[in-house]
Each structure stands twice: as C-alpha cells, then as structure tokens.
C-alpha atoms as a PDB file:
ATOM      1  CA  MET A   1     -98.439  99.545  -8.933  1.00  0.00           C
ATOM      2  CA  SER A   2     -98.772 100.776  -5.306  1.00  0.00           C
ATOM      3  CA  LYS A   3    -100.887  97.939  -3.201  1.00  0.00           C
ATOM      4  CA  THR A   4    -102.285  98.049   0.008  1.00  0.00           C
ATOM      5  CA  ILE A   5    -101.983  94.827   1.683  1.00  0.00           C
ATOM      6  CA  ILE A   6    -103.443  93.337   4.913  1.00  0.00           C
ATOM      7  CA  VAL A   7    -101.345  90.812   7.158  1.00  0.00           C
ATOM      8  CA  THR A   8    -103.592  88.528   9.412  1.00  0.00           C
ATOM      9  CA  GLY A   9    -100.888  87.631  12.669  1.00  0.00           C
ATOM     10  CA  GLY A  10     -98.231  89.977  11.498  1.00  0.00           C
ATOM     11  CA  SER A  11     -96.621  90.702  14.701  1.00  0.00           C
ATOM     12  CA  ARG A  12     -94.155  87.915  14.354  1.00  0.00           C
ATOM     13  CA  GLY A  13     -93.205  85.036  12.161  1.00  0.00           C
ATOM     14  CA  ILE A  14     -94.048  84.736   8.502  1.00  0.00           C
ATOM     15  CA  GLY A  15     -96.472  87.216   9.115  1.00  0.00           C
ATOM     16  CA  ARG A  16     -93.958  89.937  10.658  1.00  0.00           C
ATOM     17  CA  ALA A  17     -91.750  89.097   6.959  1.00  0.00           C
ATOM     18  CA  ALA A  18     -94.023  88.853   4.730  1.00  0.00           C
ATOM     19  CA  ALA A  19     -95.307  92.521   6.158  1.00  0.00           C
ATOM     20  CA  LEU A  20     -91.478  93.526   6.111  1.00  0.00           C
ATOM     21  CA  LEU A  21     -91.381  92.552   2.305  1.00  0.00           C
ATOM     22  CA  CYS A  22     -94.318  93.922   1.724  1.00  0.00           C
ATOM     23  CA  GLY A  23     -93.140  97.588   3.219  1.00  0.00           C
ATOM     24  CA  LEU A  24     -90.489  97.161   1.532  1.00  0.00           C
ATOM     25  CA  ARG A  25     -91.876  96.792  -2.170  1.00  0.00           C
ATOM     26  CA  GLY A  26     -93.693 100.308  -1.217  1.00  0.00           C
ATOM     27  CA  TRP A  27     -97.157  98.490  -0.415  1.00  0.00           C
ATOM     28  CA  SER A  28     -98.963  99.992   2.454  1.00  0.00           C
ATOM     29  CA  VAL A  29     -99.465  97.164   4.993  1.00  0.00           C
ATOM     30  CA  VAL A  30    -101.984  96.615   7.275  1.00  0.00           C
ATOM     31  CA  VAL A  31    -100.391  94.761  10.513  1.00  0.00           C
ATOM     32  CA  ASN A  32    -103.542  92.845  12.360  1.00  0.00           C
ATOM     33  CA  TYR A  33    -102.709  90.978  15.937  1.00  0.00           C
ATOM     34  CA  VAL A  34    -104.276  89.612  18.632  1.00  0.00           C
ATOM     35  CA  GLY A  35    -102.158  89.841  21.812  1.00  0.00           C
ATOM     36  CA  ALA A  36     -98.285  91.178  20.529  1.00  0.00           C
ATOM     37  CA  GLU A  37     -99.250  94.725  20.670  1.00  0.00           C
ATOM     38  CA  ALA A  38     -95.151  95.915  20.962  1.00  0.00           C
ATOM     39  CA  ALA A  39     -94.321  93.382  18.021  1.00  0.00           C
ATOM     40  CA  ALA A  40     -97.096  94.555  15.763  1.00  0.00           C
ATOM     41  CA  ARG A  41     -96.116  98.232  16.477  1.00  0.00           C
ATOM     42  CA  GLU A  42     -92.084  97.113  15.617  1.00  0.00           C
ATOM     43  CA  THR A  43     -93.207  95.526  12.464  1.00  0.00           C
ATOM     44  CA  ALA A  44     -95.616  98.900  11.339  1.00  0.00           C
ATOM     45  CA  ARG A  45     -92.550 100.865  12.616  1.00  0.00           C
ATOM     46  CA  GLU A  46     -89.844  98.925  10.205  1.00  0.00           C
ATOM     47  CA  ILE A  47     -92.614  98.956   7.395  1.00  0.00           C
ATOM     48  CA  GLU A  48     -92.510 103.171   7.974  1.00  0.00           C
ATOM     49  CA  ALA A  49     -88.521 103.417   7.966  1.00  0.00           C
ATOM     50  CA  ALA A  50     -88.828 101.641   4.568  1.00  0.00           C
ATOM     51  CA  GLY A  51     -90.947 104.504   3.262  1.00  0.00           C
ATOM     52  CA  ALA A  52     -94.188 102.655   3.466  1.00  0.00           C
ATOM     53  CA  ALA A  53     -97.716 103.274   5.506  1.00  0.00           C
ATOM     54  CA  ALA A  54     -98.737 100.689   7.883  1.00  0.00           C
ATOM     55  CA  LEU A  55    -101.297 100.488   9.944  1.00  0.00           C
ATOM     56  CA  VAL A  56    -101.962  98.490  13.257  1.00  0.00           C
ATOM     57  CA  VAL A  57    -105.033  96.994  14.367  1.00  0.00           C
ATOM     58  CA  GLN A  58    -105.784  94.250  16.805  1.00  0.00           C
ATOM     59  CA  GLY A  59    -108.384  91.834  16.905  1.00  0.00           C
ATOM     60  CA  ASP A  60    -109.318  88.129  17.095  1.00  0.00           C
ATOM     61  CA  MET A  61    -109.450  86.544  13.425  1.00  0.00           C
ATOM     62  CA  SER A  62    -111.635  83.799  15.245  1.00  0.00           C
ATOM     63  CA  VAL A  63    -113.927  86.940  15.632  1.00  0.00           C
ATOM     64  CA  GLU A  64    -116.784  87.681  12.966  1.00  0.00           C
ATOM     65  CA  ALA A  65    -117.016  91.684  14.682  1.00  0.00           C
ATOM     66  CA  ASP A  66    -113.322  91.857  14.722  1.00  0.00           C
ATOM     67  CA  VAL A  67    -112.615  90.764  10.828  1.00  0.00           C
ATOM     68  CA  THR A  68    -115.402  93.299  10.447  1.00  0.00           C
ATOM     69  CA  ARG A  69    -113.464  95.850  12.502  1.00  0.00           C
ATOM     70  CA  LEU A  70    -110.349  95.159  10.783  1.00  0.00           C
ATOM     71  CA  PHE A  71    -111.461  95.361   7.089  1.00  0.00           C
ATOM     72  CA  ASP A  72    -113.231  98.746   7.594  1.00  0.00           C
ATOM     73  CA  ALA A  73    -110.209 100.325   9.459  1.00  0.00           C
ATOM     74  CA  ALA A  74    -107.937  99.255   6.390  1.00  0.00           C
ATOM     75  CA  ALA A  75    -110.460 100.454   4.418  1.00  0.00           C
ATOM     76  CA  GLU A  76    -111.285 103.745   6.086  1.00  0.00           C
ATOM     77  CA  ARG A  77    -107.409 104.195   6.334  1.00  0.00           C
ATOM     78  CA  PHE A  78    -106.383 103.390   2.554  1.00  0.00           C
ATOM     79  CA  GLY A  79    -109.702 103.217   0.546  1.00  0.00           C
ATOM     80  CA  VAL A  80    -109.016 100.168  -1.539  1.00  0.00           C
ATOM     81  CA  ILE A  81    -107.760  96.881  -0.526  1.00  0.00           C
ATOM     82  CA  ASP A  82    -105.460  94.438  -2.519  1.00  0.00           C
ATOM     83  CA  GLY A  83    -104.022  91.449  -0.967  1.00  0.00           C
ATOM     84  CA  LEU A  84    -104.870  89.870   2.269  1.00  0.00           C
ATOM     85  CA  VAL A  85    -101.962  87.211   3.791  1.00  0.00           C
ATOM     86  CA  ASN A  86    -104.532  85.229   5.873  1.00  0.00           C
ATOM     87  CA  ASN A  87    -101.651  83.853   8.059  1.00  0.00           C
ATOM     88  CA  ALA A  88    -103.202  83.922  11.148  1.00  0.00           C
ATOM     89  CA  GLY A  89    -103.170  80.518  13.117  1.00  0.00           C
ATOM     90  CA  ILE A  90    -102.261  78.551  16.322  1.00  0.00           C
ATOM     91  CA  VAL A  91    -101.056  75.139  16.453  1.00  0.00           C
ATOM     92  CA  ALA A  92    -101.070  73.150  20.129  1.00  0.00           C
ATOM     93  CA  PRO A  93     -98.789  71.171  22.409  1.00  0.00           C
ATOM     94  CA  GLY A  94     -97.927  67.875  20.062  1.00  0.00           C
ATOM     95  CA  MET A  95     -99.394  64.840  21.657  1.00  0.00           C
ATOM     96  CA  SER A  96    -101.480  61.572  20.692  1.00  0.00           C
ATOM     97  CA  PHE A  97    -105.166  61.742  18.943  1.00  0.00           C
ATOM     98  CA  VAL A  98    -106.399  59.637  21.530  1.00  0.00           C
ATOM     99  CA  ASP A  99    -105.169  61.478  24.465  1.00  0.00           C
ATOM    100  CA  MET A 100    -107.002  65.208  22.461  1.00  0.00           C
ATOM    101  CA  ASP A 101    -110.202  66.608  23.781  1.00  0.00           C
ATOM    102  CA  ALA A 102    -112.529  68.558  21.606  1.00  0.00           C
ATOM    103  CA  ALA A 103    -112.467  72.065  22.676  1.00  0.00           C
ATOM    104  CA  ARG A 104    -108.621  72.034  21.758  1.00  0.00           C
ATOM    105  CA  TRP A 105    -110.507  70.550  17.772  1.00  0.00           C
ATOM    106  CA  ARG A 106    -112.184  73.841  18.096  1.00  0.00           C
ATOM    107  CA  ARG A 107    -110.033  76.471  18.878  1.00  0.00           C
ATOM    108  CA  ILE A 108    -107.371  75.254  16.465  1.00  0.00           C
ATOM    109  CA  PHE A 109    -110.685  74.972  13.244  1.00  0.00           C
ATOM    110  CA  ASP A 110    -112.109  78.328  14.814  1.00  0.00           C
ATOM    111  CA  LEU A 111    -109.031  80.438  14.070  1.00  0.00           C
ATOM    112  CA  ASN A 112    -107.174  78.290  11.208  1.00  0.00           C
ATOM    113  CA  VAL A 113    -110.237  77.379   9.405  1.00  0.00           C
ATOM    114  CA  ILE A 114    -113.477  79.778  10.124  1.00  0.00           C
ATOM    115  CA  GLY A 115    -111.172  82.346  10.737  1.00  0.00           C
ATOM    116  CA  ALA A 116    -109.204  82.390   7.556  1.00  0.00           C
ATOM    117  CA  MET A 117    -112.587  81.699   5.564  1.00  0.00           C
ATOM    118  CA  LEU A 118    -113.922  84.807   7.134  1.00  0.00           C
ATOM    119  CA  CYS A 119    -111.389  86.875   6.511  1.00  0.00           C
ATOM    120  CA  ALA A 120    -111.265  85.576   2.626  1.00  0.00           C
ATOM    121  CA  GLN A 121    -114.903  86.267   2.318  1.00  0.00           C
ATOM    122  CA  ALA A 122    -114.424  90.267   4.060  1.00  0.00           C
ATOM    123  CA  ALA A 123    -111.774  90.520   1.253  1.00  0.00           C
ATOM    124  CA  ALA A 124    -113.377  89.028  -1.545  1.00  0.00           C
ATOM    125  CA  ARG A 125    -116.117  90.916  -0.867  1.00  0.00           C
ATOM    126  CA  VAL A 126    -114.634  94.405  -1.201  1.00  0.00           C
ATOM    127  CA  MET A 127    -112.088  93.459  -3.883  1.00  0.00           C
ATOM    128  CA  ARG A 128    -114.851  91.711  -6.425  1.00  0.00           C
ATOM    129  CA  ARG A 129    -115.303  93.255  -9.766  1.00  0.00           C
ATOM    130  CA  SER A 130    -118.765  92.583  -9.582  1.00  0.00           C
ATOM    131  CA  ALA A 131    -118.988  94.805  -6.498  1.00  0.00           C
ATOM    132  CA  GLY A 132    -117.084  97.498  -8.198  1.00  0.00           C
ATOM    133  CA  GLY A 133    -113.367  95.945  -6.694  1.00  0.00           C
ATOM    134  CA  ARG A 134    -110.107  96.172  -8.927  1.00  0.00           C
ATOM    135  CA  GLY A 135    -109.544  92.431  -8.184  1.00  0.00           C
ATOM    136  CA  GLY A 136    -106.667  91.551  -5.753  1.00  0.00           C
ATOM    137  CA  ALA A 137    -105.136  88.665  -4.233  1.00  0.00           C
ATOM    138  CA  ILE A 138    -105.697  86.306  -1.319  1.00  0.00           C
ATOM    139  CA  VAL A 139    -102.735  83.986   0.267  1.00  0.00           C
ATOM    140  CA  ASN A 140    -103.620  81.851   2.876  1.00  0.00           C
ATOM    141  CA  ILE A 141    -100.761  80.042   4.707  1.00  0.00           C
ATOM    142  CA  SER A 142    -101.588  76.207   4.888  1.00  0.00           C
ATOM    143  CA  SER A 143     -98.420  73.779   5.479  1.00  0.00           C
ATOM    144  CA  VAL A 144     -96.969  70.920   4.531  1.00  0.00           C
ATOM    145  CA  ALA A 145     -98.328  69.174   7.625  1.00  0.00           C
ATOM    146  CA  ALA A 146    -101.713  69.381   5.426  1.00  0.00           C
ATOM    147  CA  ARG A 147    -100.282  65.984   3.491  1.00  0.00           C
ATOM    148  CA  LEU A 148     -97.844  64.624   5.939  1.00  0.00           C
ATOM    149  CA  GLY A 149    -100.483  64.595   8.300  1.00  0.00           C
ATOM    150  CA  SER A 150     -98.269  65.284  11.419  1.00  0.00           C
ATOM    151  CA  PRO A 151     -99.101  61.379  13.209  1.00  0.00           C
ATOM    152  CA  GLY A 152     -98.429  61.331  17.102  1.00  0.00           C
ATOM    153  CA  LEU A 153     -97.564  65.377  17.157  1.00  0.00           C
ATOM    154  CA  TYR A 154    -100.816  67.198  15.754  1.00  0.00           C
ATOM    155  CA  VAL A 155    -103.319  65.661  13.082  1.00  0.00           C
ATOM    156  CA  ASP A 156    -105.345  68.325  14.150  1.00  0.00           C
ATOM    157  CA  TYR A 157    -103.087  71.132  13.130  1.00  0.00           C
ATOM    158  CA  ALA A 158    -102.656  69.469  10.117  1.00  0.00           C
ATOM    159  CA  ALA A 159    -106.410  68.172   8.952  1.00  0.00           C
ATOM    160  CA  SER A 160    -106.806  72.230  10.321  1.00  0.00           C
ATOM    161  CA  LYS A 161    -104.349  73.007   7.278  1.00  0.00           C
ATOM    162  CA  GLY A 162    -105.481  70.524   4.955  1.00  0.00           C
ATOM    163  CA  ALA A 163    -109.078  72.284   5.280  1.00  0.00           C
ATOM    164  CA  ILE A 164    -107.107  75.494   3.860  1.00  0.00           C
ATOM    165  CA  ASP A 165    -105.770  73.669   1.021  1.00  0.00           C
ATOM    166  CA  SER A 166    -109.404  72.101  -0.253  1.00  0.00           C
ATOM    167  CA  PHE A 167    -110.669  75.918   0.385  1.00  0.00           C
ATOM    168  CA  THR A 168    -108.353  77.550  -1.719  1.00  0.00           C
ATOM    169  CA  HIS A 169    -108.686  75.856  -4.690  1.00  0.00           C
ATOM    170  CA  GLY A 170    -111.971  75.884  -4.689  1.00  0.00           C
ATOM    171  CA  LEU A 171    -112.233  79.763  -3.879  1.00  0.00           C
ATOM    172  CA  GLY A 172    -109.512  80.585  -6.265  1.00  0.00           C
ATOM    173  CA  ILE A 173    -111.637  78.665  -9.454  1.00  0.00           C
ATOM    174  CA  GLU A 174    -115.098  80.592  -7.719  1.00  0.00           C
ATOM    175  CA  LEU A 175    -113.629  84.151  -7.935  1.00  0.00           C
ATOM    176  CA  ALA A 176    -110.895  83.672 -10.665  1.00  0.00           C
ATOM    177  CA  ARG A 177    -113.444  86.165 -13.096  1.00  0.00           C
ATOM    178  CA  GLU A 178    -114.596  88.064 -10.416  1.00  0.00           C
ATOM    179  CA  GLY A 179    -110.292  89.312 -10.739  1.00  0.00           C
ATOM    180  CA  VAL A 180    -109.523  87.674  -7.328  1.00  0.00           C
ATOM    181  CA  ARG A 181    -106.432  85.098  -6.892  1.00  0.00           C
ATOM    182  CA  VAL A 182    -106.522  82.867  -4.560  1.00  0.00           C
ATOM    183  CA  ASN A 183    -103.193  80.664  -3.536  1.00  0.00           C
ATOM    184  CA  ALA A 184    -101.674  79.005  -0.869  1.00  0.00           C
ATOM    185  CA  ILE A 185     -98.504  78.636   0.446  1.00  0.00           C
ATOM    186  CA  ARG A 186     -97.635  75.289   2.362  1.00  0.00           C
ATOM    187  CA  PRO A 187     -94.448  76.523   4.754  1.00  0.00           C
ATOM    188  CA  GLY A 188     -92.539  73.032   5.562  1.00  0.00           C
ATOM    189  CA  MET A 189     -90.007  73.411   8.371  1.00  0.00           C
ATOM    190  CA  ILE A 190     -89.621  76.969   9.229  1.00  0.00           C
ATOM    191  CA  GLU A 191     -87.475  78.511  11.730  1.00  0.00           C
ATOM    192  CA  THR A 192     -90.386  80.760  14.251  1.00  0.00           C
ATOM    193  CA  ASP A 193     -91.890  80.564  17.596  1.00  0.00           C
ATOM    194  CA  ILE A 194     -94.676  78.341  16.299  1.00  0.00           C
ATOM    195  CA  HIS A 195     -92.757  75.157  17.355  1.00  0.00           C
ATOM    196  CA  ALA A 196     -92.630  76.513  21.026  1.00  0.00           C
ATOM    197  CA  ALA A 197     -95.899  76.294  20.521  1.00  0.00           C
ATOM    198  CA  SER A 198     -96.141  72.587  20.160  1.00  0.00           C
ATOM    199  CA  GLY A 199     -93.727  72.077  23.083  1.00  0.00           C
ATOM    200  CA  ASP A 200     -90.984  71.661  21.121  1.00  0.00           C
ATOM    201  CA  PRO A 201     -88.810  75.318  20.661  1.00  0.00           C
ATOM    202  CA  ASP A 202     -85.965  73.071  19.107  1.00  0.00           C
ATOM    203  CA  ARG A 203     -87.783  71.486  16.576  1.00  0.00           C
ATOM    204  CA  ALA A 204     -86.863  72.560  13.498  1.00  0.00           C
ATOM    205  CA  LYS A 205     -82.962  72.420  14.264  1.00  0.00           C
ATOM    206  CA  LYS A 206     -83.626  68.499  15.311  1.00  0.00           C
ATOM    207  CA  LEU A 207     -85.416  67.736  12.462  1.00  0.00           C
ATOM    208  CA  ALA A 208     -83.228  69.184   9.559  1.00  0.00           C
ATOM    209  CA  HIS A 209     -81.720  65.913   8.576  1.00  0.00           C
ATOM    210  CA  THR A 210     -85.066  65.224   7.364  1.00  0.00           C
ATOM    211  CA  ILE A 211     -85.288  67.785   5.241  1.00  0.00           C
ATOM    212  CA  PRO A 212     -83.588  67.581   1.880  1.00  0.00           C
ATOM    213  CA  ILE A 213     -82.299  70.332   1.513  1.00  0.00           C
ATOM    214  CA  GLY A 214     -80.651  69.833   4.400  1.00  0.00           C
ATOM    215  CA  ARG A 215     -81.948  73.212   6.430  1.00  0.00           C
ATOM    216  CA  PRO A 216     -84.991  74.375   8.013  1.00  0.00           C
ATOM    217  CA  GLY A 217     -86.509  77.538   6.454  1.00  0.00           C
ATOM    218  CA  SER A 218     -86.682  80.777   7.336  1.00  0.00           C
ATOM    219  CA  ALA A 219     -89.767  83.375   7.440  1.00  0.00           C
ATOM    220  CA  ARG A 220     -88.109  85.400   4.875  1.00  0.00           C
ATOM    221  CA  GLU A 221     -88.231  82.851   2.647  1.00  0.00           C
ATOM    222  CA  ILE A 222     -92.063  81.638   3.080  1.00  0.00           C
ATOM    223  CA  ALA A 223     -92.317  85.724   2.905  1.00  0.00           C
ATOM    224  CA  GLU A 224     -90.965  85.769  -1.111  1.00  0.00           C
ATOM    225  CA  ALA A 225     -92.813  83.550  -2.023  1.00  0.00           C
ATOM    226  CA  ILE A 226     -96.134  85.002  -0.322  1.00  0.00           C
ATOM    227  CA  VAL A 227     -95.303  88.429  -1.482  1.00  0.00           C
ATOM    228  CA  TRP A 228     -94.584  86.832  -5.406  1.00  0.00           C
ATOM    229  CA  LEU A 229     -98.358  85.343  -5.204  1.00  0.00           C
ATOM    230  CA  LEU A 230     -99.791  89.245  -4.041  1.00  0.00           C
ATOM    231  CA  ASP A 231     -97.821  90.716  -6.597  1.00  0.00           C
ATOM    232  CA  ASP A 232     -99.057  90.972 -10.302  1.00  0.00           C
ATOM    233  CA  ALA A 233     -95.771  89.098 -11.780  1.00  0.00           C
ATOM    234  CA  SER A 234     -97.695  85.748 -10.603  1.00  0.00           C
ATOM    235  CA  SER A 235    -101.278  87.069 -12.857  1.00  0.00           C
ATOM    236  CA  TYR A 236    -101.890  83.514 -14.320  1.00  0.00           C
ATOM    237  CA  VAL A 237    -102.114  81.937 -10.864  1.00  0.00           C
ATOM    238  CA  THR A 238    -104.770  81.335  -8.840  1.00  0.00           C
ATOM    239  CA  GLY A 239    -106.034  78.162  -7.037  1.00  0.00           C
ATOM    240  CA  ALA A 240    -102.277  77.063  -6.375  1.00  0.00           C
ATOM    241  CA  ILE A 241    -101.019  75.684  -3.606  1.00  0.00           C
ATOM    242  CA  LEU A 242     -97.349  76.335  -3.749  1.00  0.00           C
ATOM    243  CA  ASP A 243     -94.730  74.110  -1.205  1.00  0.00           C
ATOM    244  CA  VAL A 244     -91.450  76.054  -0.003  1.00  0.00           C
ATOM    245  CA  SER A 245     -90.649  73.150   2.196  1.00  0.00           C
ATOM    246  CA  GLY A 246     -86.615  72.509   0.967  1.00  0.00           C
ATOM    247  CA  GLY A 247     -88.265  69.285  -0.746  1.00  0.00           C
ATOM    248  CA  ARG A 248     -90.044  67.820   2.595  1.00  0.00           C
END
C-alpha cells in the first residue's frame, strides 16, 4: 500500500537516508529541514528520481507553529499521513557536566524532547481511528547514549534520549487501540555529521574498536530499521525500542 511519510530533519544523515529509502518503496515523502535547504531539495530530487512524490517544508520542530505548518502542508499536498520519522535533533560540544549551562540544556531538550512530542502529537491527532484516521506508525530516533549515559561528553543529550525512550514506551501503549504504533530506534556509533557538532568529527572511526561488530554503522543501516517499523511488516510491534548499534 502506498504511504505518506513525514521525515523531520530529512536533509542529512539518518533523516536523509530514511527519506530516500521511503522513496525507493514508492512512498510519498515530506522532507523537513531547518536550515539546509539545498540538501533538503537534493533529497527530494532523488526521491522523485526514484518515482515517488516529495515535498520540502522548512521548519524548526521545537516551534509549535512550525510543526503545525509542516503537518498542514503535508495534509494539503497528500491528504492522509501514514507515518512520522521523528528524527530532528541536536547535540552540543562534548564537555563535563559541571561546565554545562542551563541554556545548553534548554536548547537540547526543546528540540530533542519537546519537539519530538509536538510532532508525535500532531501525527497522532490525524492518524488515530477515533478521529477518522486510518492509523499509522511513528518512529522516534533515540540513541544508545540513553543507556550508556555519555559521561564526560554529553550527559544532557543522553538524558534527552532517555526521555524519548520512556515517551515511546508510554505512547505506544496509549495509542495502540487507536491503530497508531509508536516505536523507537536507538542508533549506536553511526557515521554522520552529528559527531562534528559534538566537536569530534572522526569520533565514529576512532571508537570503532569499542564496537563488538568492529565498525561504525551507516545511516542506510539505520534507515532500513526505520522503514521496517513504518511498514505493515511490523504490524504487531509497538512501544518497542530497537537497538541498531553493532552490539554496543
């Protein structure tokens, strides 16, 4: 069955890989971005080249009005929304907890937690059967940092992803009878530009020896798990958190 999927933070990294793989499935994809317009439009062009439809929508997912505008644009173009990849998120430069300030914590939690909740709420409102929707799937992007804690690096980011884990489990149960499945992926050490944002662009390669499988993962490998959770093949899975971490 054809689907319409919204991917937040879809211009690069895991979000881009997920958007492209959805397009290869023939699903329509709404590519959200906050600042990288050229990259988002290139992602959309590749989706369209694969024979699927794409829509690019700018918006900061920590801003409620932008979230509303994203979902309104998706509904206007495609009608029904079947899936959400709740991927938009940030990390800050690595440092000890005692050196962090509250402004940094607020930035991280505003997007990684409140932004993800705003997007999930908007998706649930249109997908739930009691409101006339046909159900759907929400995939939240967490991190193995949620259980490792990231001491001395970014415990605040790890805490934000721990919140996503709890949120996923609870919302998955709450929405189960509404036909909306909610699951999360916990990526491990993945080769994306998020490491540059933490101040160590080569971190994934340098820590490859700590990964049982012996190497960092790719954004495409995370995307494969995301698409499975969006697909009807995972129809009996909700409230689950799937580690895609090479054993880490």
